[in-house]
Amino acid sequence: MQYAFATEADRRAVTPFKPQLLKWIGSKQKVAPRIIAEFPARFGAYHEPFLGAGGVLATLAPERAFGSDTFPPLIEIWQALASDPERLKRWYAERWTAFKAGEREVEYERIKASYNAHPNGADFLFLTRSCYGGVVRFRRKDGYMSTPVGAHPPISPLAFAKRVDLWHARLKGAQFDRLDFEEAMARAKPGDLVYCDPPYAHSQTILYGAQSFDLTRLMAAIADCKARGVRLALSIDGTKKSGDRSCAIPLPPGLFEREVMVDLGRSMLRRFQMEGQSLEAENVSDRLLLTW
């Protein structure tokens, strides 16, 4: 595998896109231009089968895209953004109003209890913007969302509505579906591009989707894409402890042609786990693996 960069002629350049729709730890929106710089300048449809907060998709803003995830409340949010953005604004405004009218921790816990009793996109939307640091954490035994309320006030409905309009416009070419990643990747055609940002084995085991994720299945799906002429980029564990610890990931030999290290900065997850300390030695880097 080569540690190399795309040539200038092959690079796809984008400008940073900062406003987040969902507040979500692990989002690649901050480093999306660096990731996208390694994408080919031309490709067919864009596919993102581990959509999460959609930071790379929104920064890229492709003409034709397919975003997917297996988590129903999350896909409910994305489908509302695409088909009825005013509904998304109402979901947020209703919960923000109740949150501001009452005692913040009590109201947050009430909304969280409503979500845990009946998981839904409307409650989950507000929780992602008001929980601590965007740490969407679920208990392994029962799927209960357990993250406490954040220290900072959630943005106003007016500010959120502006973000909805902006994201709706940028993602007008995208279709959102609830699919397993194998199904989502199987629909990619030769010449298409797939970007995968799956749960990380070394750093995200407490987070949504990470508890039961099977990396072996993903590698088989990537090999199938490569064999069919679909180009694929994969973000995966790189280094922790500011480069002092390398995260070993079993990779099938010959599957990836290039590897690029992407600096993510300090780990917000470690800050959450260590009760808000500023962690000078907790910088994290990802590996961006490419099949071409």
C-alpha atoms as a PDB file:
ATOM      1  CA  MET A   1       0.000   0.000   0.000  1.00  0.00           C
ATOM      2  CA  GLN A   2       1.314   3.439  -0.915  1.00  0.00           C
ATOM      3  CA  TYR A   3       1.338   6.414   1.453  1.00  0.00           C
ATOM      4  CA  ALA A   4       0.517   8.880  -1.301  1.00  0.00           C
ATOM      5  CA  PHE A   5      -1.734  11.722  -2.316  1.00  0.00           C
ATOM      6  CA  ALA A   6      -3.775  12.289  -5.448  1.00  0.00           C
ATOM      7  CA  THR A   7      -2.168  14.458  -8.093  1.00  0.00           C
ATOM      8  CA  GLU A   8      -3.401  18.012  -8.438  1.00  0.00           C
ATOM      9  CA  ALA A   9      -5.186  17.091 -11.680  1.00  0.00           C
ATOM     10  CA  ASP A  10      -7.115  14.347  -9.878  1.00  0.00           C
ATOM     11  CA  ARG A  11      -8.042  16.290  -6.744  1.00  0.00           C
ATOM     12  CA  ARG A  12     -11.581  17.398  -5.983  1.00  0.00           C
ATOM     13  CA  ALA A  13     -11.464  20.730  -4.137  1.00  0.00           C
ATOM     14  CA  VAL A  14     -14.267  22.032  -1.924  1.00  0.00           C
ATOM     15  CA  THR A  15     -14.562  24.925   0.485  1.00  0.00           C
ATOM     16  CA  PRO A  16     -15.199  24.230   4.194  1.00  0.00           C
ATOM     17  CA  PHE A  17     -18.846  24.042   5.179  1.00  0.00           C
ATOM     18  CA  LYS A  18     -19.231  24.744   8.895  1.00  0.00           C
ATOM     19  CA  PRO A  19     -22.887  24.872  10.048  1.00  0.00           C
ATOM     20  CA  GLN A  20     -23.830  21.472  11.481  1.00  0.00           C
ATOM     21  CA  LEU A  21     -27.390  20.209  11.272  1.00  0.00           C
ATOM     22  CA  LEU A  22     -26.918  17.554  13.956  1.00  0.00           C
ATOM     23  CA  LYS A  23     -24.437  17.930  16.782  1.00  0.00           C
ATOM     24  CA  TRP A  24     -22.635  14.610  16.573  1.00  0.00           C
ATOM     25  CA  ILE A  25     -19.347  13.359  17.973  1.00  0.00           C
ATOM     26  CA  GLY A  26     -17.320  11.612  15.300  1.00  0.00           C
ATOM     27  CA  SER A  27     -18.670  13.855  12.538  1.00  0.00           C
ATOM     28  CA  LYS A  28     -16.143  14.369   9.759  1.00  0.00           C
ATOM     29  CA  GLN A  29     -17.499  17.770   8.755  1.00  0.00           C
ATOM     30  CA  LYS A  30     -14.484  19.669  10.102  1.00  0.00           C
ATOM     31  CA  VAL A  31     -12.023  17.556   8.101  1.00  0.00           C
ATOM     32  CA  ALA A  32     -14.323  16.884   5.138  1.00  0.00           C
ATOM     33  CA  PRO A  33     -12.324  19.105   2.709  1.00  0.00           C
ATOM     34  CA  ARG A  34      -9.187  17.090   3.537  1.00  0.00           C
ATOM     35  CA  ILE A  35     -11.015  13.805   2.906  1.00  0.00           C
ATOM     36  CA  ILE A  36     -12.702  15.051  -0.263  1.00  0.00           C
ATOM     37  CA  ALA A  37      -9.333  16.242  -1.613  1.00  0.00           C
ATOM     38  CA  GLU A  38      -8.491  12.563  -2.125  1.00  0.00           C
ATOM     39  CA  PHE A  39     -11.725  11.826  -4.001  1.00  0.00           C
ATOM     40  CA  PRO A  40     -11.513  11.557  -7.790  1.00  0.00           C
ATOM     41  CA  ALA A  41     -12.355  14.737  -9.678  1.00  0.00           C
ATOM     42  CA  ARG A  42     -15.058  12.884 -11.623  1.00  0.00           C
ATOM     43  CA  PHE A  43     -17.351  10.040 -10.591  1.00  0.00           C
ATOM     44  CA  GLY A  44     -20.953   8.904 -11.026  1.00  0.00           C
ATOM     45  CA  ALA A  45     -23.244   8.809  -8.019  1.00  0.00           C
ATOM     46  CA  TYR A  46     -21.941   9.308  -4.486  1.00  0.00           C
ATOM     47  CA  HIS A  47     -22.901   6.786  -1.778  1.00  0.00           C
ATOM     48  CA  GLU A  48     -22.493   7.138   1.991  1.00  0.00           C
ATOM     49  CA  PRO A  49     -23.738   3.984   3.781  1.00  0.00           C
ATOM     50  CA  PHE A  50     -22.819   5.094   7.335  1.00  0.00           C
ATOM     51  CA  LEU A  51     -24.428   8.501   7.096  1.00  0.00           C
ATOM     52  CA  GLY A  52     -24.446   9.670  10.714  1.00  0.00           C
ATOM     53  CA  ALA A  53     -24.442  13.472  10.775  1.00  0.00           C
ATOM     54  CA  GLY A  54     -23.764  13.716   7.030  1.00  0.00           C
ATOM     55  CA  GLY A  55     -20.810  16.105   7.287  1.00  0.00           C
ATOM     56  CA  VAL A  56     -18.896  14.800   4.262  1.00  0.00           C
ATOM     57  CA  LEU A  57     -22.042  14.548   2.140  1.00  0.00           C
ATOM     58  CA  ALA A  58     -23.076  18.137   2.907  1.00  0.00           C
ATOM     59  CA  THR A  59     -19.583  19.505   2.284  1.00  0.00           C
ATOM     60  CA  LEU A  60     -19.323  17.665  -1.027  1.00  0.00           C
ATOM     61  CA  ALA A  61     -22.933  18.575  -2.028  1.00  0.00           C
ATOM     62  CA  PRO A  62     -22.937  16.199  -5.016  1.00  0.00           C
ATOM     63  CA  GLU A  63     -25.459  16.406  -7.825  1.00  0.00           C
ATOM     64  CA  ARG A  64     -26.565  12.801  -7.225  1.00  0.00           C
ATOM     65  CA  ALA A  65     -26.167  10.970  -3.934  1.00  0.00           C
ATOM     66  CA  PHE A  66     -27.501   8.152  -1.791  1.00  0.00           C
ATOM     67  CA  GLY A  67     -27.206   8.407   1.992  1.00  0.00           C
ATOM     68  CA  SER A  68     -28.218   5.535   4.231  1.00  0.00           C
ATOM     69  CA  ASP A  69     -28.087   4.133   7.727  1.00  0.00           C
ATOM     70  CA  THR A  70     -29.768   1.346   9.680  1.00  0.00           C
ATOM     71  CA  PHE A  71     -30.927   3.573  12.558  1.00  0.00           C
ATOM     72  CA  PRO A  72     -34.632   4.461  12.018  1.00  0.00           C
ATOM     73  CA  PRO A  73     -34.787   7.775  14.005  1.00  0.00           C
ATOM     74  CA  LEU A  74     -31.750   9.087  12.144  1.00  0.00           C
ATOM     75  CA  ILE A  75     -33.129   8.239   8.703  1.00  0.00           C
ATOM     76  CA  GLU A  76     -36.464   9.753   9.751  1.00  0.00           C
ATOM     77  CA  ILE A  77     -34.620  13.057  10.247  1.00  0.00           C
ATOM     78  CA  TRP A  78     -32.851  12.896   6.877  1.00  0.00           C
ATOM     79  CA  GLN A  79     -36.007  11.961   5.004  1.00  0.00           C
ATOM     80  CA  ALA A  80     -37.857  14.863   6.641  1.00  0.00           C
ATOM     81  CA  LEU A  81     -35.048  17.211   5.612  1.00  0.00           C
ATOM     82  CA  ALA A  82     -35.427  16.083   2.005  1.00  0.00           C
ATOM     83  CA  SER A  83     -39.225  15.959   1.728  1.00  0.00           C
ATOM     84  CA  ASP A  84     -40.625  18.310   4.387  1.00  0.00           C
ATOM     85  CA  PRO A  85     -38.030  20.636   5.942  1.00  0.00           C
ATOM     86  CA  GLU A  86     -40.756  22.689   7.661  1.00  0.00           C
ATOM     87  CA  ARG A  87     -41.657  19.606   9.708  1.00  0.00           C
ATOM     88  CA  LEU A  88     -38.042  19.332  10.850  1.00  0.00           C
ATOM     89  CA  LYS A  89     -38.149  22.949  12.006  1.00  0.00           C
ATOM     90  CA  ARG A  90     -41.387  22.315  13.951  1.00  0.00           C
ATOM     91  CA  TRP A  91     -39.933  19.256  15.683  1.00  0.00           C
ATOM     92  CA  TYR A  92     -37.004  21.272  16.941  1.00  0.00           C
ATOM     93  CA  ALA A  93     -38.958  24.417  17.873  1.00  0.00           C
ATOM     94  CA  GLU A  94     -41.543  22.519  19.927  1.00  0.00           C
ATOM     95  CA  ARG A  95     -38.905  20.789  22.049  1.00  0.00           C
ATOM     96  CA  TRP A  96     -36.686  23.854  22.339  1.00  0.00           C
ATOM     97  CA  THR A  97     -39.648  25.894  23.623  1.00  0.00           C
ATOM     98  CA  ALA A  98     -40.468  23.310  26.300  1.00  0.00           C
ATOM     99  CA  PHE A  99     -36.792  23.032  27.226  1.00  0.00           C
ATOM    100  CA  LYS A 100     -36.445  26.812  27.686  1.00  0.00           C
ATOM    101  CA  ALA A 101     -39.718  27.145  29.620  1.00  0.00           C
ATOM    102  CA  GLY A 102     -38.808  24.612  32.300  1.00  0.00           C
ATOM    103  CA  GLU A 103     -35.794  23.530  34.326  1.00  0.00           C
ATOM    104  CA  ARG A 104     -33.172  22.489  31.765  1.00  0.00           C
ATOM    105  CA  GLU A 105     -32.140  19.120  33.212  1.00  0.00           C
ATOM    106  CA  VAL A 106     -35.721  18.144  34.015  1.00  0.00           C
ATOM    107  CA  GLU A 107     -36.952  19.032  30.525  1.00  0.00           C
ATOM    108  CA  TYR A 108     -33.993  17.337  28.848  1.00  0.00           C
ATOM    109  CA  GLU A 109     -34.627  14.143  30.824  1.00  0.00           C
ATOM    110  CA  ARG A 110     -38.319  14.319  29.913  1.00  0.00           C
ATOM    111  CA  ILE A 111     -37.520  14.504  26.211  1.00  0.00           C
ATOM    112  CA  LYS A 112     -34.933  11.746  26.593  1.00  0.00           C
ATOM    113  CA  ALA A 113     -37.493   9.558  28.409  1.00  0.00           C
ATOM    114  CA  SER A 114     -39.980  10.162  25.596  1.00  0.00           C
ATOM    115  CA  TYR A 115     -37.368   9.076  23.083  1.00  0.00           C
ATOM    116  CA  ASN A 116     -36.332   5.995  25.056  1.00  0.00           C
ATOM    117  CA  ALA A 117     -39.955   4.891  25.450  1.00  0.00           C
ATOM    118  CA  HIS A 118     -40.643   5.236  21.708  1.00  0.00           C
ATOM    119  CA  PRO A 119     -37.501   5.995  19.602  1.00  0.00           C
ATOM    120  CA  ASN A 120     -38.372   8.649  17.038  1.00  0.00           C
ATOM    121  CA  GLY A 121     -36.706  11.252  14.859  1.00  0.00           C
ATOM    122  CA  ALA A 122     -38.360  14.290  16.441  1.00  0.00           C
ATOM    123  CA  ASP A 123     -37.035  13.660  19.970  1.00  0.00           C
ATOM    124  CA  PHE A 124     -33.704  12.373  18.674  1.00  0.00           C
ATOM    125  CA  LEU A 125     -33.155  15.542  16.640  1.00  0.00           C
ATOM    126  CA  PHE A 126     -33.364  17.754  19.723  1.00  0.00           C
ATOM    127  CA  LEU A 127     -31.307  15.356  21.838  1.00  0.00           C
ATOM    128  CA  THR A 128     -28.410  15.431  19.389  1.00  0.00           C
ATOM    129  CA  ARG A 129     -28.295  19.227  19.667  1.00  0.00           C
ATOM    130  CA  SER A 130     -28.668  19.391  23.456  1.00  0.00           C
ATOM    131  CA  CYS A 131     -26.802  16.353  24.834  1.00  0.00           C
ATOM    132  CA  TYR A 132     -23.250  16.596  26.136  1.00  0.00           C
ATOM    133  CA  GLY A 133     -20.833  17.240  23.260  1.00  0.00           C
ATOM    134  CA  GLY A 134     -22.974  15.391  20.728  1.00  0.00           C
ATOM    135  CA  VAL A 135     -22.044  12.077  22.387  1.00  0.00           C
ATOM    136  CA  VAL A 136     -24.901   9.860  21.194  1.00  0.00           C
ATOM    137  CA  ARG A 137     -24.371   7.019  23.676  1.00  0.00           C
ATOM    138  CA  PHE A 138     -26.614   3.974  24.058  1.00  0.00           C
ATOM    139  CA  ARG A 139     -26.542   1.260  26.713  1.00  0.00           C
ATOM    140  CA  ARG A 140     -25.548  -2.077  25.267  1.00  0.00           C
ATOM    141  CA  LYS A 141     -28.161  -4.110  27.131  1.00  0.00           C
ATOM    142  CA  ASP A 142     -31.297  -2.264  26.051  1.00  0.00           C
ATOM    143  CA  GLY A 143     -30.413   0.532  23.616  1.00  0.00           C
ATOM    144  CA  TYR A 144     -31.318   3.228  26.172  1.00  0.00           C
ATOM    145  CA  MET A 145     -29.817   6.631  25.316  1.00  0.00           C
ATOM    146  CA  SER A 146     -27.933   7.656  28.441  1.00  0.00           C
ATOM    147  CA  THR A 147     -26.030  10.853  27.566  1.00  0.00           C
ATOM    148  CA  PRO A 148     -26.664  13.720  30.022  1.00  0.00           C
ATOM    149  CA  VAL A 149     -27.610  17.255  29.054  1.00  0.00           C
ATOM    150  CA  GLY A 150     -24.829  19.432  27.658  1.00  0.00           C
ATOM    151  CA  ALA A 151     -23.313  22.459  29.330  1.00  0.00           C
ATOM    152  CA  HIS A 152     -24.114  24.863  26.491  1.00  0.00           C
ATOM    153  CA  PRO A 153     -27.622  25.988  25.483  1.00  0.00           C
ATOM    154  CA  PRO A 154     -28.960  24.508  22.227  1.00  0.00           C
ATOM    155  CA  ILE A 155     -29.247  26.938  19.334  1.00  0.00           C
ATOM    156  CA  SER A 156     -32.503  28.852  18.841  1.00  0.00           C
ATOM    157  CA  PRO A 157     -35.261  27.642  16.510  1.00  0.00           C
ATOM    158  CA  LEU A 158     -34.507  30.563  14.182  1.00  0.00           C
ATOM    159  CA  ALA A 159     -30.840  29.597  13.930  1.00  0.00           C
ATOM    160  CA  PHE A 160     -31.762  25.955  13.443  1.00  0.00           C
ATOM    161  CA  ALA A 161     -34.318  26.833  10.741  1.00  0.00           C
ATOM    162  CA  LYS A 162     -31.616  28.663   8.781  1.00  0.00           C
ATOM    163  CA  ARG A 163     -29.466  25.553   8.942  1.00  0.00           C
ATOM    164  CA  VAL A 164     -32.346  23.392   7.737  1.00  0.00           C
ATOM    165  CA  ASP A 165     -32.824  25.628   4.696  1.00  0.00           C
ATOM    166  CA  LEU A 166     -29.099  25.601   3.943  1.00  0.00           C
ATOM    167  CA  TRP A 167     -28.767  21.826   4.265  1.00  0.00           C
ATOM    168  CA  HIS A 168     -31.948  21.199   2.281  1.00  0.00           C
ATOM    169  CA  ALA A 169     -30.535  23.233  -0.609  1.00  0.00           C
ATOM    170  CA  ARG A 170     -27.124  21.543  -0.503  1.00  0.00           C
ATOM    171  CA  LEU A 171     -28.609  18.042  -0.415  1.00  0.00           C
ATOM    172  CA  LYS A 172     -31.331  18.486  -3.026  1.00  0.00           C
ATOM    173  CA  GLY A 173     -29.697  15.762  -5.132  1.00  0.00           C
ATOM    174  CA  ALA A 174     -29.652  13.195  -2.320  1.00  0.00           C
ATOM    175  CA  GLN A 175     -31.928  10.262  -1.564  1.00  0.00           C
ATOM    176  CA  PHE A 176     -32.059   8.857   1.980  1.00  0.00           C
ATOM    177  CA  ASP A 177     -32.879   5.251   2.813  1.00  0.00           C
ATOM    178  CA  ARG A 178     -32.862   2.930   5.780  1.00  0.00           C
ATOM    179  CA  LEU A 179     -30.500   0.197   4.584  1.00  0.00           C
ATOM    180  CA  ASP A 180     -27.813  -2.100   5.891  1.00  0.00           C
ATOM    181  CA  PHE A 181     -24.426  -1.084   4.518  1.00  0.00           C
ATOM    182  CA  GLU A 182     -24.178  -4.229   2.364  1.00  0.00           C
ATOM    183  CA  GLU A 183     -27.443  -3.384   0.587  1.00  0.00           C
ATOM    184  CA  ALA A 184     -26.419   0.256   0.216  1.00  0.00           C
ATOM    185  CA  MET A 185     -23.015  -0.595  -1.251  1.00  0.00           C
ATOM    186  CA  ALA A 186     -24.454  -3.262  -3.565  1.00  0.00           C
ATOM    187  CA  ARG A 187     -26.493  -0.650  -5.452  1.00  0.00           C
ATOM    188  CA  ALA A 188     -23.384   1.360  -6.398  1.00  0.00           C
ATOM    189  CA  LYS A 189     -22.561   1.084 -10.100  1.00  0.00           C
ATOM    190  CA  PRO A 190     -19.194   1.076 -11.916  1.00  0.00           C
ATOM    191  CA  GLY A 191     -17.742   4.570 -11.822  1.00  0.00           C
ATOM    192  CA  ASP A 192     -19.619   5.508  -8.637  1.00  0.00           C
ATOM    193  CA  LEU A 193     -17.875   6.541  -5.415  1.00  0.00           C
ATOM    194  CA  VAL A 194     -18.581   5.129  -1.948  1.00  0.00           C
ATOM    195  CA  TYR A 195     -17.339   6.768   1.258  1.00  0.00           C
ATOM    196  CA  CYS A 196     -17.524   4.672   4.440  1.00  0.00           C
ATOM    197  CA  ASP A 197     -17.191   6.074   7.947  1.00  0.00           C
ATOM    198  CA  PRO A 198     -18.168   3.063  10.097  1.00  0.00           C
ATOM    199  CA  PRO A 199     -18.047   2.765  13.907  1.00  0.00           C
ATOM    200  CA  TYR A 200     -14.469   2.645  15.136  1.00  0.00           C
ATOM    201  CA  ALA A 201     -13.330  -0.426  17.046  1.00  0.00           C
ATOM    202  CA  HIS A 202     -10.689   1.359  19.132  1.00  0.00           C
ATOM    203  CA  SER A 203     -12.483   4.531  20.168  1.00  0.00           C
ATOM    204  CA  GLN A 204     -16.252   4.429  19.761  1.00  0.00           C
ATOM    205  CA  THR A 205     -17.475   1.215  21.416  1.00  0.00           C
ATOM    206  CA  ILE A 206     -19.926   3.115  23.671  1.00  0.00           C
ATOM    207  CA  LEU A 207     -21.491   5.005  20.763  1.00  0.00           C
ATOM    208  CA  TYR A 208     -24.493   4.350  18.564  1.00  0.00           C
ATOM    209  CA  GLY A 209     -24.031   1.443  16.154  1.00  0.00           C
ATOM    210  CA  ALA A 210     -20.626   0.367  17.440  1.00  0.00           C
ATOM    211  CA  GLN A 211     -21.548  -2.454  19.787  1.00  0.00           C
ATOM    212  CA  SER A 212     -22.438  -5.045  17.164  1.00  0.00           C
ATOM    213  CA  PHE A 213     -20.540  -3.785  14.117  1.00  0.00           C
ATOM    214  CA  ASP A 214     -18.743  -6.487  12.088  1.00  0.00           C
ATOM    215  CA  LEU A 215     -15.651  -5.204  10.275  1.00  0.00           C
ATOM    216  CA  THR A 216     -15.227  -8.507   8.421  1.00  0.00           C
ATOM    217  CA  ARG A 217     -18.565  -8.002   6.638  1.00  0.00           C
ATOM    218  CA  LEU A 218     -17.520  -4.502   5.633  1.00  0.00           C
ATOM    219  CA  MET A 219     -14.231  -5.680   4.130  1.00  0.00           C
ATOM    220  CA  ALA A 220     -16.084  -8.251   2.030  1.00  0.00           C
ATOM    221  CA  ALA A 221     -18.478  -5.549   0.777  1.00  0.00           C
ATOM    222  CA  ILE A 222     -15.535  -3.283  -0.069  1.00  0.00           C
ATOM    223  CA  ALA A 223     -13.865  -6.090  -2.034  1.00  0.00           C
ATOM    224  CA  ASP A 224     -17.109  -6.585  -3.968  1.00  0.00           C
ATOM    225  CA  CYS A 225     -17.263  -2.862  -4.805  1.00  0.00           C
ATOM    226  CA  LYS A 226     -13.670  -2.835  -6.010  1.00  0.00           C
ATOM    227  CA  ALA A 227     -14.256  -5.898  -8.197  1.00  0.00           C
ATOM    228  CA  ARG A 228     -17.267  -4.167  -9.809  1.00  0.00           C
ATOM    229  CA  GLY A 229     -15.361  -0.977 -10.661  1.00  0.00           C
ATOM    230  CA  VAL A 230     -16.759   1.095  -7.789  1.00  0.00           C
ATOM    231  CA  ARG A 231     -14.176   3.302  -6.085  1.00  0.00           C
ATOM    232  CA  LEU A 232     -14.294   3.349  -2.300  1.00  0.00           C
ATOM    233  CA  ALA A 233     -12.761   5.464   0.464  1.00  0.00           C
ATOM    234  CA  LEU A 234     -12.768   4.254   4.064  1.00  0.00           C
ATOM    235  CA  SER A 235     -12.143   6.268   7.235  1.00  0.00           C
ATOM    236  CA  ILE A 236     -10.973   4.004  10.043  1.00  0.00           C
ATOM    237  CA  ASP A 237      -8.943   4.048  13.272  1.00  0.00           C
ATOM    238  CA  GLY A 238      -5.452   5.489  12.825  1.00  0.00           C
ATOM    239  CA  THR A 239      -3.528   6.707  15.857  1.00  0.00           C
ATOM    240  CA  LYS A 240      -4.380   7.812  19.403  1.00  0.00           C
ATOM    241  CA  LYS A 241      -2.417   9.511  22.186  1.00  0.00           C
ATOM    242  CA  SER A 242      -1.142  12.166  19.745  1.00  0.00           C
ATOM    243  CA  GLY A 243       0.451   9.547  17.512  1.00  0.00           C
ATOM    244  CA  ASP A 244       2.042   7.455  20.239  1.00  0.00           C
ATOM    245  CA  ARG A 245      -0.420   4.590  19.832  1.00  0.00           C
ATOM    246  CA  SER A 246      -1.256   3.002  16.487  1.00  0.00           C
ATOM    247  CA  CYS A 247      -4.631   1.254  16.213  1.00  0.00           C
ATOM    248  CA  ALA A 248      -4.186  -2.163  14.659  1.00  0.00           C
ATOM    249  CA  ILE A 249      -6.941  -3.017  12.152  1.00  0.00           C
ATOM    250  CA  PRO A 250      -6.933  -6.300  10.192  1.00  0.00           C
ATOM    251  CA  LEU A 251      -6.989  -5.381   6.497  1.00  0.00           C
ATOM    252  CA  PRO A 252      -7.180  -7.912   3.650  1.00  0.00           C
ATOM    253  CA  PRO A 253      -3.918  -7.735   1.667  1.00  0.00           C
ATOM    254  CA  GLY A 254      -4.200  -5.907  -1.643  1.00  0.00           C
ATOM    255  CA  LEU A 255      -7.647  -4.455  -0.989  1.00  0.00           C
ATOM    256  CA  PHE A 256      -6.493  -0.835  -0.612  1.00  0.00           C
ATOM    257  CA  GLU A 257      -4.065   0.942  -2.921  1.00  0.00           C
ATOM    258  CA  ARG A 258      -3.359   4.107  -0.919  1.00  0.00           C
ATOM    259  CA  GLU A 259      -3.419   5.351   2.661  1.00  0.00           C
ATOM    260  CA  VAL A 260      -3.572   8.946   3.931  1.00  0.00           C
ATOM    261  CA  MET A 261      -3.452  10.102   7.560  1.00  0.00           C
ATOM    262  CA  VAL A 262      -6.051  12.718   8.538  1.00  0.00           C
ATOM    263  CA  ASP A 263      -5.517  14.726  11.745  1.00  0.00           C
ATOM    264  CA  LEU A 264      -8.784  15.051  13.684  1.00  0.00           C
ATOM    265  CA  GLY A 265      -7.487  17.133  16.608  1.00  0.00           C
ATOM    266  CA  ARG A 266      -8.356  16.410  20.235  1.00  0.00           C
ATOM    267  CA  SER A 267     -10.724  13.618  21.159  1.00  0.00           C
ATOM    268  CA  MET A 268     -14.085  14.896  22.415  1.00  0.00           C
ATOM    269  CA  LEU A 269     -15.019  11.341  23.385  1.00  0.00           C
ATOM    270  CA  ARG A 270     -12.022  11.090  25.710  1.00  0.00           C
ATOM    271  CA  ARG A 271     -12.949  14.473  27.150  1.00  0.00           C
ATOM    272  CA  PHE A 272     -16.437  13.137  27.892  1.00  0.00           C
ATOM    273  CA  GLN A 273     -15.028   9.952  29.420  1.00  0.00           C
ATOM    274  CA  MET A 274     -12.614  11.960  31.578  1.00  0.00           C
ATOM    275  CA  GLU A 275     -15.238  14.445  32.790  1.00  0.00           C
ATOM    276  CA  GLY A 276     -14.491  17.460  30.651  1.00  0.00           C
ATOM    277  CA  GLN A 277     -10.729  17.763  31.033  1.00  0.00           C
ATOM    278  CA  SER A 278      -8.791  19.479  28.246  1.00  0.00           C
ATOM    279  CA  LEU A 279      -6.635  16.647  26.985  1.00  0.00           C
ATOM    280  CA  GLU A 280      -3.345  17.924  25.583  1.00  0.00           C
ATOM    281  CA  ALA A 281      -2.054  14.421  24.749  1.00  0.00           C
ATOM    282  CA  GLU A 282      -5.271  13.086  23.238  1.00  0.00           C
ATOM    283  CA  ASN A 283      -4.965  14.093  19.590  1.00  0.00           C
ATOM    284  CA  VAL A 284      -6.403  11.530  17.198  1.00  0.00           C
ATOM    285  CA  SER A 285      -5.644  10.736  13.556  1.00  0.00           C
ATOM    286  CA  ASP A 286      -7.676   8.649  11.132  1.00  0.00           C
ATOM    287  CA  ARG A 287      -6.517   6.461   8.323  1.00  0.00           C
ATOM    288  CA  LEU A 288      -8.180   7.228   5.009  1.00  0.00           C
ATOM    289  CA  LEU A 289      -7.871   4.081   2.878  1.00  0.00           C
ATOM    290  CA  LEU A 290      -8.589   4.159  -0.854  1.00  0.00           C
ATOM    291  CA  THR A 291      -9.152   1.322  -3.306  1.00  0.00           C
ATOM    292  CA  TRP A 292      -7.695   3.160  -6.300  1.00  0.00           C
END
